[in-house]
Amino acid sequence: MSGLLALLDDVAAIAKVAAASVDDIAAAAAKAGTKAAGVVIDDAAVTPKYVHGFQAD
């Protein structure tokens, strides 16, 4: 019986580590998405001739 409890404890520990990793990956993906959006917005501001419907000032 103690072997089964040890196995369940190990599975719970692995699940906890996996959940923390998924959280870190989600945070990194959100940060990368924000940076990519900033680059696209910055490029659009620098080169307005590529944006249709607006005049370059």
PDB file of N, CA and C in Angstrom:
ATOM      1  N   MET A   1       0.812  -1.192   0.000  1.00  0.00           N
ATOM      2  CA  MET A   1       0.000   0.000   0.000  1.00  0.00           C
ATOM      3  C   MET A   1       0.862   1.266   0.000  1.00  0.00           C
ATOM      4  N   SER A   2       1.990   1.225   0.713  1.00  0.00           N
ATOM      5  CA  SER A   2       2.840   2.412   0.762  1.00  0.00           C
ATOM      6  C   SER A   2       3.460   2.697  -0.599  1.00  0.00           C
ATOM      7  N   GLY A   3       3.690   1.649  -1.403  1.00  0.00           N
ATOM      8  CA  GLY A   3       4.214   1.858  -2.750  1.00  0.00           C
ATOM      9  C   GLY A   3       3.235   2.622  -3.622  1.00  0.00           C
ATOM     10  N   LEU A   4       1.950   2.312  -3.481  1.00  0.00           N
ATOM     11  CA  LEU A   4       0.918   3.014  -4.241  1.00  0.00           C
ATOM     12  C   LEU A   4       0.833   4.479  -3.818  1.00  0.00           C
ATOM     13  N   LEU A   5       0.928   4.736  -2.528  1.00  0.00           N
ATOM     14  CA  LEU A   5       0.896   6.118  -2.044  1.00  0.00           C
ATOM     15  C   LEU A   5       2.111   6.903  -2.529  1.00  0.00           C
ATOM     16  N   ALA A   6       3.260   6.252  -2.552  1.00  0.00           N
ATOM     17  CA  ALA A   6       4.468   6.915  -3.053  1.00  0.00           C
ATOM     18  C   ALA A   6       4.325   7.228  -4.537  1.00  0.00           C
ATOM     19  N   LEU A   7       3.732   6.299  -5.287  1.00  0.00           N
ATOM     20  CA  LEU A   7       3.515   6.525  -6.718  1.00  0.00           C
ATOM     21  C   LEU A   7       2.564   7.699  -6.937  1.00  0.00           C
ATOM     22  N   LEU A   8       1.475   7.735  -6.184  1.00  0.00           N
ATOM     23  CA  LEU A   8       0.525   8.836  -6.312  1.00  0.00           C
ATOM     24  C   LEU A   8       1.162  10.168  -5.916  1.00  0.00           C
ATOM     25  N   ASP A   9       2.024  10.153  -4.921  1.00  0.00           N
ATOM     26  CA  ASP A   9       2.729  11.365  -4.518  1.00  0.00           C
ATOM     27  C   ASP A   9       3.656  11.842  -5.632  1.00  0.00           C
ATOM     28  N   ASP A  10       4.347  10.910  -6.276  1.00  0.00           N
ATOM     29  CA  ASP A  10       5.227  11.262  -7.394  1.00  0.00           C
ATOM     30  C   ASP A  10       4.428  11.832  -8.562  1.00  0.00           C
ATOM     31  N   VAL A  11       3.280  11.230  -8.856  1.00  0.00           N
ATOM     32  CA  VAL A  11       2.436  11.726  -9.949  1.00  0.00           C
ATOM     33  C   VAL A  11       1.947  13.138  -9.634  1.00  0.00           C
ATOM     34  N   ALA A  12       1.576  13.389  -8.392  1.00  0.00           N
ATOM     35  CA  ALA A  12       1.132  14.728  -8.003  1.00  0.00           C
ATOM     36  C   ALA A  12       2.263  15.739  -8.139  1.00  0.00           C
ATOM     37  N   ALA A  13       3.469  15.356  -7.776  1.00  0.00           N
ATOM     38  CA  ALA A  13       4.617  16.263  -7.900  1.00  0.00           C
ATOM     39  C   ALA A  13       4.911  16.573  -9.359  1.00  0.00           C
ATOM     40  N   ILE A  14       4.839  15.558 -10.218  1.00  0.00           N
ATOM     41  CA  ILE A  14       5.073  15.771 -11.652  1.00  0.00           C
ATOM     42  C   ILE A  14       3.998  16.682 -12.233  1.00  0.00           C
ATOM     43  N   ALA A  15       2.748  16.481 -11.830  1.00  0.00           N
ATOM     44  CA  ALA A  15       1.655  17.326 -12.315  1.00  0.00           C
ATOM     45  C   ALA A  15       1.852  18.774 -11.887  1.00  0.00           C
ATOM     46  N   LYS A  16       2.351  18.990 -10.677  1.00  0.00           N
ATOM     47  CA  LYS A  16       2.585  20.350 -10.183  1.00  0.00           C
ATOM     48  C   LYS A  16       3.677  21.039 -11.005  1.00  0.00           C
ATOM     49  N   VAL A  17       4.749  20.320 -11.309  1.00  0.00           N
ATOM     50  CA  VAL A  17       5.838  20.883 -12.120  1.00  0.00           C
ATOM     51  C   VAL A  17       5.348  21.180 -13.532  1.00  0.00           C
ATOM     52  N   ALA A  18       4.546  20.271 -14.095  1.00  0.00           N
ATOM     53  CA  ALA A  18       4.017  20.485 -15.442  1.00  0.00           C
ATOM     54  C   ALA A  18       3.106  21.707 -15.485  1.00  0.00           C
ATOM     55  N   ALA A  19       2.288  21.891 -14.467  1.00  0.00           N
ATOM     56  CA  ALA A  19       1.398  23.055 -14.425  1.00  0.00           C
ATOM     57  C   ALA A  19       2.199  24.350 -14.342  1.00  0.00           C
ATOM     58  N   ALA A  20       3.274  24.356 -13.588  1.00  0.00           N
ATOM     59  CA  ALA A  20       4.121  25.552 -13.492  1.00  0.00           C
ATOM     60  C   ALA A  20       4.790  25.847 -14.829  1.00  0.00           C
ATOM     61  N   SER A  21       5.203  24.807 -15.539  1.00  0.00           N
ATOM     62  CA  SER A  21       5.837  24.999 -16.842  1.00  0.00           C
ATOM     63  C   SER A  21       4.856  25.575 -17.850  1.00  0.00           C
ATOM     64  N   VAL A  22       3.623  25.073 -17.843  1.00  0.00           N
ATOM     65  CA  VAL A  22       2.605  25.585 -18.761  1.00  0.00           C
ATOM     66  C   VAL A  22       2.326  27.052 -18.472  1.00  0.00           C
ATOM     67  N   ASP A  23       2.306  27.435 -17.213  1.00  0.00           N
ATOM     68  CA  ASP A  23       2.076  28.827 -16.844  1.00  0.00           C
ATOM     69  C   ASP A  23       3.216  29.709 -17.348  1.00  0.00           C
ATOM     70  N   ASP A  24       4.454  29.242 -17.218  1.00  0.00           N
ATOM     71  CA  ASP A  24       5.607  30.001 -17.707  1.00  0.00           C
ATOM     72  C   ASP A  24       5.559  30.155 -19.225  1.00  0.00           C
ATOM     73  N   ILE A  25       5.164  29.098 -19.919  1.00  0.00           N
ATOM     74  CA  ILE A  25       5.082  29.148 -21.382  1.00  0.00           C
ATOM     75  C   ILE A  25       4.010  30.142 -21.816  1.00  0.00           C
ATOM     76  N   ALA A  26       2.871  30.142 -21.136  1.00  0.00           N
ATOM     77  CA  ALA A  26       1.796  31.078 -21.473  1.00  0.00           C
ATOM     78  C   ALA A  26       2.241  32.521 -21.253  1.00  0.00           C
ATOM     79  N   ALA A  27       2.954  32.777 -20.181  1.00  0.00           N
ATOM     80  CA  ALA A  27       3.438  34.132 -19.906  1.00  0.00           C
ATOM     81  C   ALA A  27       4.445  34.576 -20.962  1.00  0.00           C
ATOM     82  N   ALA A  28       5.331  33.680 -21.359  1.00  0.00           N
ATOM     83  CA  ALA A  28       6.322  34.021 -22.384  1.00  0.00           C
ATOM     84  C   ALA A  28       5.652  34.277 -23.730  1.00  0.00           C
ATOM     85  N   ALA A  29       4.642  33.491 -24.055  1.00  0.00           N
ATOM     86  CA  ALA A  29       3.931  33.685 -25.319  1.00  0.00           C
ATOM     87  C   ALA A  29       3.196  35.020 -25.334  1.00  0.00           C
ATOM     88  N   ALA A  30       2.594  35.389 -24.220  1.00  0.00           N
ATOM     89  CA  ALA A  30       1.907  36.679 -24.146  1.00  0.00           C
ATOM     90  C   ALA A  30       2.891  37.831 -24.294  1.00  0.00           C
ATOM     91  N   LYS A  31       4.051  37.716 -23.665  1.00  0.00           N
ATOM     92  CA  LYS A  31       5.066  38.767 -23.764  1.00  0.00           C
ATOM     93  C   LYS A  31       5.584  38.886 -25.196  1.00  0.00           C
ATOM     94  N   ALA A  32       5.807  37.752 -25.854  1.00  0.00           N
ATOM     95  CA  ALA A  32       6.286  37.772 -27.239  1.00  0.00           C
ATOM     96  C   ALA A  32       5.237  38.366 -28.166  1.00  0.00           C
ATOM     97  N   GLY A  33       3.974  38.054 -27.931  1.00  0.00           N
ATOM     98  CA  GLY A  33       2.899  38.617 -28.747  1.00  0.00           C
ATOM     99  C   GLY A  33       2.809  40.121 -28.612  1.00  0.00           C
ATOM    100  N   THR A  34       2.993  40.620 -27.409  1.00  0.00           N
ATOM    101  CA  THR A  34       2.966  42.060 -27.173  1.00  0.00           C
ATOM    102  C   THR A  34       4.124  42.743 -27.889  1.00  0.00           C
ATOM    103  N   LYS A  35       5.297  42.137 -27.827  1.00  0.00           N
ATOM    104  CA  LYS A  35       6.459  42.725 -28.511  1.00  0.00           C
ATOM    105  C   LYS A  35       6.270  42.707 -30.022  1.00  0.00           C
ATOM    106  N   ALA A  36       5.710  41.630 -30.566  1.00  0.00           N
ATOM    107  CA  ALA A  36       5.482  41.544 -32.010  1.00  0.00           C
ATOM    108  C   ALA A  36       4.483  42.600 -32.457  1.00  0.00           C
ATOM    109  N   ALA A  37       3.441  42.823 -31.680  1.00  0.00           N
ATOM    110  CA  ALA A  37       2.458  43.851 -32.021  1.00  0.00           C
ATOM    111  C   ALA A  37       3.111  45.227 -32.000  1.00  0.00           C
ATOM    112  N   GLY A  38       3.997  45.467 -31.057  1.00  0.00           N
ATOM    113  CA  GLY A  38       4.695  46.744 -30.996  1.00  0.00           C
ATOM    114  C   GLY A  38       5.577  46.980 -32.203  1.00  0.00           C
ATOM    115  N   VAL A  39       6.224  45.946 -32.694  1.00  0.00           N
ATOM    116  CA  VAL A  39       7.078  46.073 -33.882  1.00  0.00           C
ATOM    117  C   VAL A  39       6.235  46.383 -35.100  1.00  0.00           C
ATOM    118  N   VAL A  40       5.100  45.710 -35.247  1.00  0.00           N
ATOM    119  CA  VAL A  40       4.223  45.966 -36.393  1.00  0.00           C
ATOM    120  C   VAL A  40       3.697  47.386 -36.347  1.00  0.00           C
ATOM    121  N   ILE A  41       3.280  47.851 -35.185  1.00  0.00           N
ATOM    122  CA  ILE A  41       2.770  49.219 -35.058  1.00  0.00           C
ATOM    123  C   ILE A  41       3.881  50.217 -35.334  1.00  0.00           C
ATOM    124  N   ASP A  42       5.082  49.951 -34.838  1.00  0.00           N
ATOM    125  CA  ASP A  42       6.215  50.844 -35.058  1.00  0.00           C
ATOM    126  C   ASP A  42       6.566  50.916 -36.537  1.00  0.00           C
ATOM    127  N   ASP A  43       6.586  49.781 -37.222  1.00  0.00           N
ATOM    128  CA  ASP A  43       6.900  49.770 -38.648  1.00  0.00           C
ATOM    129  C   ASP A  43       5.839  50.504 -39.453  1.00  0.00           C
ATOM    130  N   ALA A  44       4.588  50.377 -39.053  1.00  0.00           N
ATOM    131  CA  ALA A  44       3.520  51.080 -39.761  1.00  0.00           C
ATOM    132  C   ALA A  44       3.667  52.589 -39.593  1.00  0.00           C
ATOM    133  N   ALA A  45       4.134  53.036 -38.436  1.00  0.00           N
ATOM    134  CA  ALA A  45       4.312  54.470 -38.208  1.00  0.00           C
ATOM    135  C   ALA A  45       5.501  55.012 -38.987  1.00  0.00           C
ATOM    136  N   VAL A  46       6.536  54.210 -39.158  1.00  0.00           N
ATOM    137  CA  VAL A  46       7.740  54.667 -39.855  1.00  0.00           C
ATOM    138  C   VAL A  46       7.528  54.689 -41.359  1.00  0.00           C
ATOM    139  N   THR A  47       6.754  53.764 -41.886  1.00  0.00           N
ATOM    140  CA  THR A  47       6.552  53.657 -43.331  1.00  0.00           C
ATOM    141  C   THR A  47       5.069  53.789 -43.666  1.00  0.00           C
ATOM    142  N   PRO A  48       4.503  55.005 -43.579  1.00  0.00           N
ATOM    143  CA  PRO A  48       3.063  55.169 -43.812  1.00  0.00           C
ATOM    144  C   PRO A  48       2.645  54.932 -45.252  1.00  0.00           C
ATOM    145  N   LYS A  49       3.579  54.908 -46.186  1.00  0.00           N
ATOM    146  CA  LYS A  49       3.185  54.672 -47.575  1.00  0.00           C
ATOM    147  C   LYS A  49       2.647  53.257 -47.775  1.00  0.00           C
ATOM    148  N   TYR A  50       2.938  52.347 -46.841  1.00  0.00           N
ATOM    149  CA  TYR A  50       2.431  50.982 -46.940  1.00  0.00           C
ATOM    150  C   TYR A  50       1.060  50.818 -46.300  1.00  0.00           C
ATOM    151  N   VAL A  51       0.592  51.818 -45.572  1.00  0.00           N
ATOM    152  CA  VAL A  51      -0.712  51.757 -44.923  1.00  0.00           C
ATOM    153  C   VAL A  51      -1.707  52.439 -45.842  1.00  0.00           C
ATOM    154  N   HIS A  52      -2.687  51.703 -46.313  1.00  0.00           N
ATOM    155  CA  HIS A  52      -3.658  52.240 -47.267  1.00  0.00           C
ATOM    156  C   HIS A  52      -4.738  53.031 -46.538  1.00  0.00           C
ATOM    157  N   GLY A  53      -5.133  54.152 -47.121  1.00  0.00           N
ATOM    158  CA  GLY A  53      -6.199  54.958 -46.551  1.00  0.00           C
ATOM    159  C   GLY A  53      -5.722  56.093 -45.665  1.00  0.00           C
ATOM    160  N   PHE A  54      -4.409  56.253 -45.490  1.00  0.00           N
ATOM    161  CA  PHE A  54      -3.865  57.329 -44.666  1.00  0.00           C
ATOM    162  C   PHE A  54      -2.836  58.106 -45.475  1.00  0.00           C
ATOM    163  N   GLN A  55      -2.738  59.392 -45.196  1.00  0.00           N
ATOM    164  CA  GLN A  55      -1.757  60.233 -45.867  1.00  0.00           C
ATOM    165  C   GLN A  55      -0.488  60.323 -45.033  1.00  0.00           C
ATOM    166  N   ALA A  56       0.654  60.319 -45.683  1.00  0.00           N
ATOM    167  CA  ALA A  56       1.930  60.489 -44.984  1.00  0.00           C
ATOM    168  C   ALA A  56       2.139  61.968 -44.693  1.00  0.00           C
ATOM    169  N   ASP A  57       2.360  62.312 -43.439  1.00  0.00           N
ATOM    170  CA  ASP A  57       2.589  63.717 -43.049  1.00  0.00           C
ATOM    171  C   ASP A  57       4.048  63.956 -42.760  1.00  0.00           C
TER     172      ASP A  57
END
